[in-house]
């Protein structure tokens, strides 16, 4: 009898943003951004972002007109050879794109030192809604809180990912994590900030580290 789907942690792939590419192939020149839900961005060639329907992260910069998306990081989905959408972004009320912009693809690096990870969603706030006519305490639920991701890993400070952890923590810039389950079990992308890093060691054991990633915005789950 089947016990339902299950996946081992070993064999998973976990990636972290090591940079937003400004070398080869370099930033993409943006020629259009729509006022739509979701916003759609046009460039000359999306091949550096992946194939159609692939999800990745992109940083927009030097945006003219639609200033709401300037110097921001987004999860995006490739729509065609020249377009991608800004996932979870409704730009219908934004300014009108009026010129040029640059799109910097995220460079995602495998994090092989990971020994464990745990995403905990935050509790949505309760907004009191009790009135003089209420017969019991009434509440409305506030906006969802997508919580934090805790990483445990073997500490190796000169590796690409762990150097990037320190860089993003010090700058306060937004970055992305991406994790895929084995056997095509699905994958998820999360945007956020590095809140904390630490390391510890003692006789007879490995140096280990930890990091806390504060999620911001809605995670994107990708099905095979």
C-alpha atoms as a PDB file:
ATOM      1  CA  UNK A   1       0.000   0.000   0.000  1.00  0.00           C
ATOM      2  CA  UNK A   2       1.312   3.450  -0.883  1.00  0.00           C
ATOM      3  CA  UNK A   3       2.252   5.645   2.072  1.00  0.00           C
ATOM      4  CA  UNK A   4       2.088   8.817  -0.002  1.00  0.00           C
ATOM      5  CA  UNK A   5       4.837  10.906  -1.529  1.00  0.00           C
ATOM      6  CA  UNK A   6       8.052  11.457   0.420  1.00  0.00           C
ATOM      7  CA  UNK A   7      11.485  12.820  -0.445  1.00  0.00           C
ATOM      8  CA  UNK A   8      14.893  12.459   1.156  1.00  0.00           C
ATOM      9  CA  UNK A   9      16.873  15.565   2.084  1.00  0.00           C
ATOM     10  CA  UNK A  10      19.930  14.017   0.428  1.00  0.00           C
ATOM     11  CA  UNK A  11      19.696  14.552  -3.294  1.00  0.00           C
ATOM     12  CA  UNK A  12      17.967  17.905  -2.946  1.00  0.00           C
ATOM     13  CA  UNK A  13      19.534  20.986  -4.544  1.00  0.00           C
ATOM     14  CA  UNK A  14      19.783  24.231  -2.587  1.00  0.00           C
ATOM     15  CA  UNK A  15      21.052  27.401  -4.246  1.00  0.00           C
ATOM     16  CA  UNK A  16      21.781  30.920  -3.028  1.00  0.00           C
ATOM     17  CA  UNK A  17      22.348  34.171  -4.924  1.00  0.00           C
ATOM     18  CA  UNK A  18      26.083  34.734  -5.250  1.00  0.00           C
ATOM     19  CA  UNK A  19      25.638  37.950  -7.289  1.00  0.00           C
ATOM     20  CA  UNK A  20      23.516  39.740  -9.842  1.00  0.00           C
ATOM     21  CA  UNK A  21      25.414  39.275 -13.087  1.00  0.00           C
ATOM     22  CA  UNK A  22      27.218  42.333 -14.425  1.00  0.00           C
ATOM     23  CA  UNK A  23      29.840  40.472 -16.466  1.00  0.00           C
ATOM     24  CA  UNK A  24      29.201  37.899 -19.183  1.00  0.00           C
ATOM     25  CA  UNK A  25      26.526  37.862 -20.567  1.00  0.00           C
ATOM     26  CA  UNK A  26      25.937  40.970 -18.473  1.00  0.00           C
ATOM     27  CA  UNK A  27      22.734  42.933 -17.883  1.00  0.00           C
ATOM     28  CA  UNK A  28      19.850  42.745 -20.317  1.00  0.00           C
ATOM     29  CA  UNK A  29      18.634  45.960 -21.952  1.00  0.00           C
ATOM     30  CA  UNK A  30      14.929  46.451 -21.223  1.00  0.00           C
ATOM     31  CA  UNK A  31      12.810  47.992 -23.979  1.00  0.00           C
ATOM     32  CA  UNK A  32       9.336  47.752 -22.396  1.00  0.00           C
ATOM     33  CA  UNK A  33       7.547  47.083 -19.102  1.00  0.00           C
ATOM     34  CA  UNK A  34       3.768  46.763 -19.178  1.00  0.00           C
ATOM     35  CA  UNK A  35       1.282  48.218 -16.702  1.00  0.00           C
ATOM     36  CA  UNK A  36      -0.384  44.874 -16.064  1.00  0.00           C
ATOM     37  CA  UNK A  37      -0.940  42.110 -13.524  1.00  0.00           C
ATOM     38  CA  UNK A  38       1.640  40.677 -13.619  1.00  0.00           C
ATOM     39  CA  UNK A  39       3.995  43.180 -15.223  1.00  0.00           C
ATOM     40  CA  UNK A  40       5.705  41.875 -18.373  1.00  0.00           C
ATOM     41  CA  UNK A  41       9.233  42.947 -19.307  1.00  0.00           C
ATOM     42  CA  UNK A  42      10.619  42.888 -22.860  1.00  0.00           C
ATOM     43  CA  UNK A  43      14.316  42.388 -23.650  1.00  0.00           C
ATOM     44  CA  UNK A  44      16.212  41.311 -26.749  1.00  0.00           C
ATOM     45  CA  UNK A  45      16.931  37.768 -25.543  1.00  0.00           C
ATOM     46  CA  UNK A  46      15.879  35.834 -22.421  1.00  0.00           C
ATOM     47  CA  UNK A  47      18.190  32.839 -22.962  1.00  0.00           C
ATOM     48  CA  UNK A  48      20.402  33.847 -20.012  1.00  0.00           C
ATOM     49  CA  UNK A  49      17.316  33.552 -17.761  1.00  0.00           C
ATOM     50  CA  UNK A  50      16.493  30.001 -18.837  1.00  0.00           C
ATOM     51  CA  UNK A  51      13.919  28.308 -21.014  1.00  0.00           C
ATOM     52  CA  UNK A  52      10.247  29.218 -21.378  1.00  0.00           C
ATOM     53  CA  UNK A  53       8.375  28.794 -18.053  1.00  0.00           C
ATOM     54  CA  UNK A  54      11.615  28.723 -16.016  1.00  0.00           C
ATOM     55  CA  UNK A  55      11.657  30.831 -12.835  1.00  0.00           C
ATOM     56  CA  UNK A  56      14.643  32.837 -11.610  1.00  0.00           C
ATOM     57  CA  UNK A  57      15.478  36.141  -9.892  1.00  0.00           C
ATOM     58  CA  UNK A  58      16.324  39.443 -11.573  1.00  0.00           C
ATOM     59  CA  UNK A  59      17.354  42.878 -10.337  1.00  0.00           C
ATOM     60  CA  UNK A  60      16.040  45.879 -12.285  1.00  0.00           C
ATOM     61  CA  UNK A  61      18.104  49.067 -12.330  1.00  0.00           C
ATOM     62  CA  UNK A  62      18.182  52.470 -14.062  1.00  0.00           C
ATOM     63  CA  UNK A  63      14.451  52.220 -14.798  1.00  0.00           C
ATOM     64  CA  UNK A  64      12.966  55.309 -16.430  1.00  0.00           C
ATOM     65  CA  UNK A  65       9.322  56.169 -15.790  1.00  0.00           C
ATOM     66  CA  UNK A  66       8.210  53.142 -13.764  1.00  0.00           C
ATOM     67  CA  UNK A  67      10.268  54.106 -10.718  1.00  0.00           C
ATOM     68  CA  UNK A  68       8.381  51.671  -8.448  1.00  0.00           C
ATOM     69  CA  UNK A  69      10.456  48.789  -9.836  1.00  0.00           C
ATOM     70  CA  UNK A  70      13.799  50.604  -9.931  1.00  0.00           C
ATOM     71  CA  UNK A  71      16.628  48.999  -7.914  1.00  0.00           C
ATOM     72  CA  UNK A  72      14.346  46.140  -6.876  1.00  0.00           C
ATOM     73  CA  UNK A  73      14.779  42.357  -7.020  1.00  0.00           C
ATOM     74  CA  UNK A  74      11.966  40.200  -8.404  1.00  0.00           C
ATOM     75  CA  UNK A  75      11.134  36.581  -9.017  1.00  0.00           C
ATOM     76  CA  UNK A  76      10.425  36.262 -12.729  1.00  0.00           C
ATOM     77  CA  UNK A  77       9.106  33.654 -15.122  1.00  0.00           C
ATOM     78  CA  UNK A  78      10.318  33.392 -18.708  1.00  0.00           C
ATOM     79  CA  UNK A  79       7.370  33.759 -21.087  1.00  0.00           C
ATOM     80  CA  UNK A  80       9.132  33.710 -24.454  1.00  0.00           C
ATOM     81  CA  UNK A  81      12.465  34.356 -26.123  1.00  0.00           C
ATOM     82  CA  UNK A  82      12.059  38.076 -25.480  1.00  0.00           C
ATOM     83  CA  UNK A  83       9.704  38.482 -22.495  1.00  0.00           C
ATOM     84  CA  UNK A  84       9.454  37.592 -18.821  1.00  0.00           C
ATOM     85  CA  UNK A  85       6.879  38.405 -16.138  1.00  0.00           C
ATOM     86  CA  UNK A  86       7.494  39.918 -12.705  1.00  0.00           C
ATOM     87  CA  UNK A  87       5.747  37.332 -10.528  1.00  0.00           C
ATOM     88  CA  UNK A  88       3.351  38.670  -7.870  1.00  0.00           C
ATOM     89  CA  UNK A  89       3.750  42.233  -9.199  1.00  0.00           C
ATOM     90  CA  UNK A  90       0.630  44.173 -10.191  1.00  0.00           C
ATOM     91  CA  UNK A  91       1.950  47.268 -11.984  1.00  0.00           C
ATOM     92  CA  UNK A  92      -1.398  48.604 -13.223  1.00  0.00           C
ATOM     93  CA  UNK A  93      -1.125  51.601 -10.896  1.00  0.00           C
ATOM     94  CA  UNK A  94       2.589  52.216 -11.425  1.00  0.00           C
ATOM     95  CA  UNK A  95       4.180  54.949 -13.505  1.00  0.00           C
ATOM     96  CA  UNK A  96       4.529  54.366 -17.237  1.00  0.00           C
ATOM     97  CA  UNK A  97       7.841  52.982 -18.463  1.00  0.00           C
ATOM     98  CA  UNK A  98       9.319  55.724 -20.583  1.00  0.00           C
ATOM     99  CA  UNK A  99      12.746  54.748 -21.802  1.00  0.00           C
ATOM    100  CA  UNK A 100      15.379  52.249 -20.839  1.00  0.00           C
ATOM    101  CA  UNK A 101      16.301  49.958 -17.964  1.00  0.00           C
ATOM    102  CA  UNK A 102      18.737  47.177 -17.148  1.00  0.00           C
ATOM    103  CA  UNK A 103      17.873  43.675 -15.897  1.00  0.00           C
ATOM    104  CA  UNK A 104      20.598  41.840 -13.990  1.00  0.00           C
ATOM    105  CA  UNK A 105      20.055  38.037 -13.834  1.00  0.00           C
ATOM    106  CA  UNK A 106      20.757  36.399 -10.487  1.00  0.00           C
ATOM    107  CA  UNK A 107      23.759  34.076 -10.420  1.00  0.00           C
ATOM    108  CA  UNK A 108      22.575  31.105  -8.352  1.00  0.00           C
ATOM    109  CA  UNK A 109      25.273  28.907  -6.799  1.00  0.00           C
ATOM    110  CA  UNK A 110      24.804  25.404  -5.377  1.00  0.00           C
ATOM    111  CA  UNK A 111      25.237  25.263  -1.599  1.00  0.00           C
ATOM    112  CA  UNK A 112      26.765  21.854  -0.932  1.00  0.00           C
ATOM    113  CA  UNK A 113      27.761  22.515   2.712  1.00  0.00           C
ATOM    114  CA  UNK A 114      24.112  22.583   3.839  1.00  0.00           C
ATOM    115  CA  UNK A 115      23.236  20.087   6.589  1.00  0.00           C
ATOM    116  CA  UNK A 116      19.704  21.281   7.291  1.00  0.00           C
ATOM    117  CA  UNK A 117      17.158  23.997   6.567  1.00  0.00           C
ATOM    118  CA  UNK A 118      13.824  25.011   8.043  1.00  0.00           C
ATOM    119  CA  UNK A 119      11.336  27.569   6.711  1.00  0.00           C
ATOM    120  CA  UNK A 120       8.825  28.763   9.299  1.00  0.00           C
ATOM    121  CA  UNK A 121       6.008  31.004   8.162  1.00  0.00           C
ATOM    122  CA  UNK A 122       5.093  33.848  10.496  1.00  0.00           C
ATOM    123  CA  UNK A 123       1.670  34.260  12.080  1.00  0.00           C
ATOM    124  CA  UNK A 124      -0.677  36.666  10.365  1.00  0.00           C
ATOM    125  CA  UNK A 125      -1.746  39.444  12.754  1.00  0.00           C
ATOM    126  CA  UNK A 126      -5.248  39.546  14.205  1.00  0.00           C
ATOM    127  CA  UNK A 127      -7.057  42.848  13.643  1.00  0.00           C
ATOM    128  CA  UNK A 128      -9.739  43.443  16.324  1.00  0.00           C
ATOM    129  CA  UNK A 129     -13.166  43.903  14.746  1.00  0.00           C
ATOM    130  CA  UNK A 130     -15.446  43.647  17.793  1.00  0.00           C
ATOM    131  CA  UNK A 131     -18.254  46.214  17.880  1.00  0.00           C
ATOM    132  CA  UNK A 132     -21.040  47.163  20.286  1.00  0.00           C
ATOM    133  CA  UNK A 133     -23.304  44.702  18.495  1.00  0.00           C
ATOM    134  CA  UNK A 134     -20.881  41.760  18.605  1.00  0.00           C
ATOM    135  CA  UNK A 135     -21.918  38.673  20.557  1.00  0.00           C
ATOM    136  CA  UNK A 136     -18.337  37.402  20.734  1.00  0.00           C
ATOM    137  CA  UNK A 137     -14.828  38.706  20.061  1.00  0.00           C
ATOM    138  CA  UNK A 138     -14.375  39.250  16.338  1.00  0.00           C
ATOM    139  CA  UNK A 139     -11.188  39.552  14.315  1.00  0.00           C
ATOM    140  CA  UNK A 140      -9.994  39.967  10.754  1.00  0.00           C
ATOM    141  CA  UNK A 141      -6.760  38.326   9.642  1.00  0.00           C
ATOM    142  CA  UNK A 142      -4.039  40.708   8.489  1.00  0.00           C
ATOM    143  CA  UNK A 143      -1.492  40.276   5.747  1.00  0.00           C
ATOM    144  CA  UNK A 144       0.383  36.944   5.533  1.00  0.00           C
ATOM    145  CA  UNK A 145       3.895  36.770   6.961  1.00  0.00           C
ATOM    146  CA  UNK A 146       6.122  34.375   5.013  1.00  0.00           C
ATOM    147  CA  UNK A 147       8.503  34.035   7.933  1.00  0.00           C
ATOM    148  CA  UNK A 148      12.142  33.004   7.977  1.00  0.00           C
ATOM    149  CA  UNK A 149      14.403  30.278   6.641  1.00  0.00           C
ATOM    150  CA  UNK A 150      17.038  28.864   8.997  1.00  0.00           C
ATOM    151  CA  UNK A 151      20.127  27.239   7.470  1.00  0.00           C
ATOM    152  CA  UNK A 152      22.623  24.946   9.176  1.00  0.00           C
ATOM    153  CA  UNK A 153      25.847  24.163   7.339  1.00  0.00           C
ATOM    154  CA  UNK A 154      29.468  23.138   7.562  1.00  0.00           C
ATOM    155  CA  UNK A 155      31.358  26.396   7.988  1.00  0.00           C
ATOM    156  CA  UNK A 156      33.679  27.135   5.059  1.00  0.00           C
ATOM    157  CA  UNK A 157      34.010  30.934   4.879  1.00  0.00           C
ATOM    158  CA  UNK A 158      35.975  31.070   1.631  1.00  0.00           C
ATOM    159  CA  UNK A 159      33.344  29.275  -0.451  1.00  0.00           C
ATOM    160  CA  UNK A 160      31.317  31.344  -2.913  1.00  0.00           C
ATOM    161  CA  UNK A 161      27.980  31.018  -1.128  1.00  0.00           C
ATOM    162  CA  UNK A 162      29.268  31.721   2.373  1.00  0.00           C
ATOM    163  CA  UNK A 163      31.210  34.755   1.174  1.00  0.00           C
ATOM    164  CA  UNK A 164      28.008  35.969  -0.455  1.00  0.00           C
ATOM    165  CA  UNK A 165      26.056  35.451   2.776  1.00  0.00           C
ATOM    166  CA  UNK A 166      28.339  37.914   4.535  1.00  0.00           C
ATOM    167  CA  UNK A 167      28.169  40.358   1.627  1.00  0.00           C
ATOM    168  CA  UNK A 168      24.364  40.387   1.516  1.00  0.00           C
ATOM    169  CA  UNK A 169      24.080  40.649   5.302  1.00  0.00           C
ATOM    170  CA  UNK A 170      26.387  43.664   5.389  1.00  0.00           C
ATOM    171  CA  UNK A 171      24.738  45.421   2.441  1.00  0.00           C
ATOM    172  CA  UNK A 172      21.147  44.644   3.443  1.00  0.00           C
ATOM    173  CA  UNK A 173      20.371  43.944  -0.209  1.00  0.00           C
ATOM    174  CA  UNK A 174      17.640  41.528  -1.253  1.00  0.00           C
ATOM    175  CA  UNK A 175      18.699  38.075  -2.470  1.00  0.00           C
ATOM    176  CA  UNK A 176      17.090  34.741  -3.364  1.00  0.00           C
ATOM    177  CA  UNK A 177      17.158  31.111  -2.316  1.00  0.00           C
ATOM    178  CA  UNK A 178      16.061  28.225  -4.506  1.00  0.00           C
ATOM    179  CA  UNK A 179      15.541  24.646  -3.391  1.00  0.00           C
ATOM    180  CA  UNK A 180      14.553  21.613  -5.451  1.00  0.00           C
ATOM    181  CA  UNK A 181      13.381  18.255  -4.144  1.00  0.00           C
ATOM    182  CA  UNK A 182      14.859  15.082  -5.649  1.00  0.00           C
ATOM    183  CA  UNK A 183      13.022  12.941  -8.189  1.00  0.00           C
ATOM    184  CA  UNK A 184      11.309  15.988  -9.719  1.00  0.00           C
ATOM    185  CA  UNK A 185       9.403  16.580  -6.498  1.00  0.00           C
ATOM    186  CA  UNK A 186       9.005  20.311  -7.096  1.00  0.00           C
ATOM    187  CA  UNK A 187      10.973  23.450  -6.329  1.00  0.00           C
ATOM    188  CA  UNK A 188      10.519  26.759  -4.544  1.00  0.00           C
ATOM    189  CA  UNK A 189      11.951  30.265  -4.854  1.00  0.00           C
ATOM    190  CA  UNK A 190      12.009  32.740  -1.956  1.00  0.00           C
ATOM    191  CA  UNK A 191      13.168  36.369  -1.848  1.00  0.00           C
ATOM    192  CA  UNK A 192      14.426  38.059   1.287  1.00  0.00           C
ATOM    193  CA  UNK A 193      17.291  39.396   3.378  1.00  0.00           C
ATOM    194  CA  UNK A 194      20.049  37.814   5.448  1.00  0.00           C
ATOM    195  CA  UNK A 195      19.299  38.662   9.089  1.00  0.00           C
ATOM    196  CA  UNK A 196      21.965  36.686  10.921  1.00  0.00           C
ATOM    197  CA  UNK A 197      25.046  34.557  10.383  1.00  0.00           C
ATOM    198  CA  UNK A 198      27.159  32.694  12.896  1.00  0.00           C
ATOM    199  CA  UNK A 199      29.749  29.961  13.283  1.00  0.00           C
ATOM    200  CA  UNK A 200      30.908  27.650  16.027  1.00  0.00           C
ATOM    201  CA  UNK A 201      33.434  24.877  16.589  1.00  0.00           C
ATOM    202  CA  UNK A 202      35.029  22.754  19.325  1.00  0.00           C
ATOM    203  CA  UNK A 203      37.528  19.943  19.783  1.00  0.00           C
ATOM    204  CA  UNK A 204      36.577  16.701  18.065  1.00  0.00           C
ATOM    205  CA  UNK A 205      33.973  18.244  15.749  1.00  0.00           C
ATOM    206  CA  UNK A 206      33.600  20.206  12.544  1.00  0.00           C
ATOM    207  CA  UNK A 207      33.263  23.942  12.302  1.00  0.00           C
ATOM    208  CA  UNK A 208      29.556  24.603  11.703  1.00  0.00           C
ATOM    209  CA  UNK A 209      27.583  27.694  10.777  1.00  0.00           C
ATOM    210  CA  UNK A 210      24.063  29.040  10.755  1.00  0.00           C
ATOM    211  CA  UNK A 211      22.188  31.776   8.922  1.00  0.00           C
ATOM    212  CA  UNK A 212      18.712  33.256   9.133  1.00  0.00           C
ATOM    213  CA  UNK A 213      16.991  34.479   5.973  1.00  0.00           C
ATOM    214  CA  UNK A 214      13.982  36.810   6.354  1.00  0.00           C
ATOM    215  CA  UNK A 215      11.468  36.104   3.602  1.00  0.00           C
ATOM    216  CA  UNK A 216       9.755  39.031   1.929  1.00  0.00           C
ATOM    217  CA  UNK A 217       7.036  38.625  -0.645  1.00  0.00           C
ATOM    218  CA  UNK A 218       5.188  35.491  -1.649  1.00  0.00           C
ATOM    219  CA  UNK A 219       7.343  32.392  -2.300  1.00  0.00           C
ATOM    220  CA  UNK A 220       6.916  30.823  -5.722  1.00  0.00           C
ATOM    221  CA  UNK A 221       6.449  27.067  -5.972  1.00  0.00           C
ATOM    222  CA  UNK A 222       7.344  25.527  -9.324  1.00  0.00           C
ATOM    223  CA  UNK A 223       5.826  22.200 -10.347  1.00  0.00           C
ATOM    224  CA  UNK A 224       7.642  19.869 -12.763  1.00  0.00           C
END
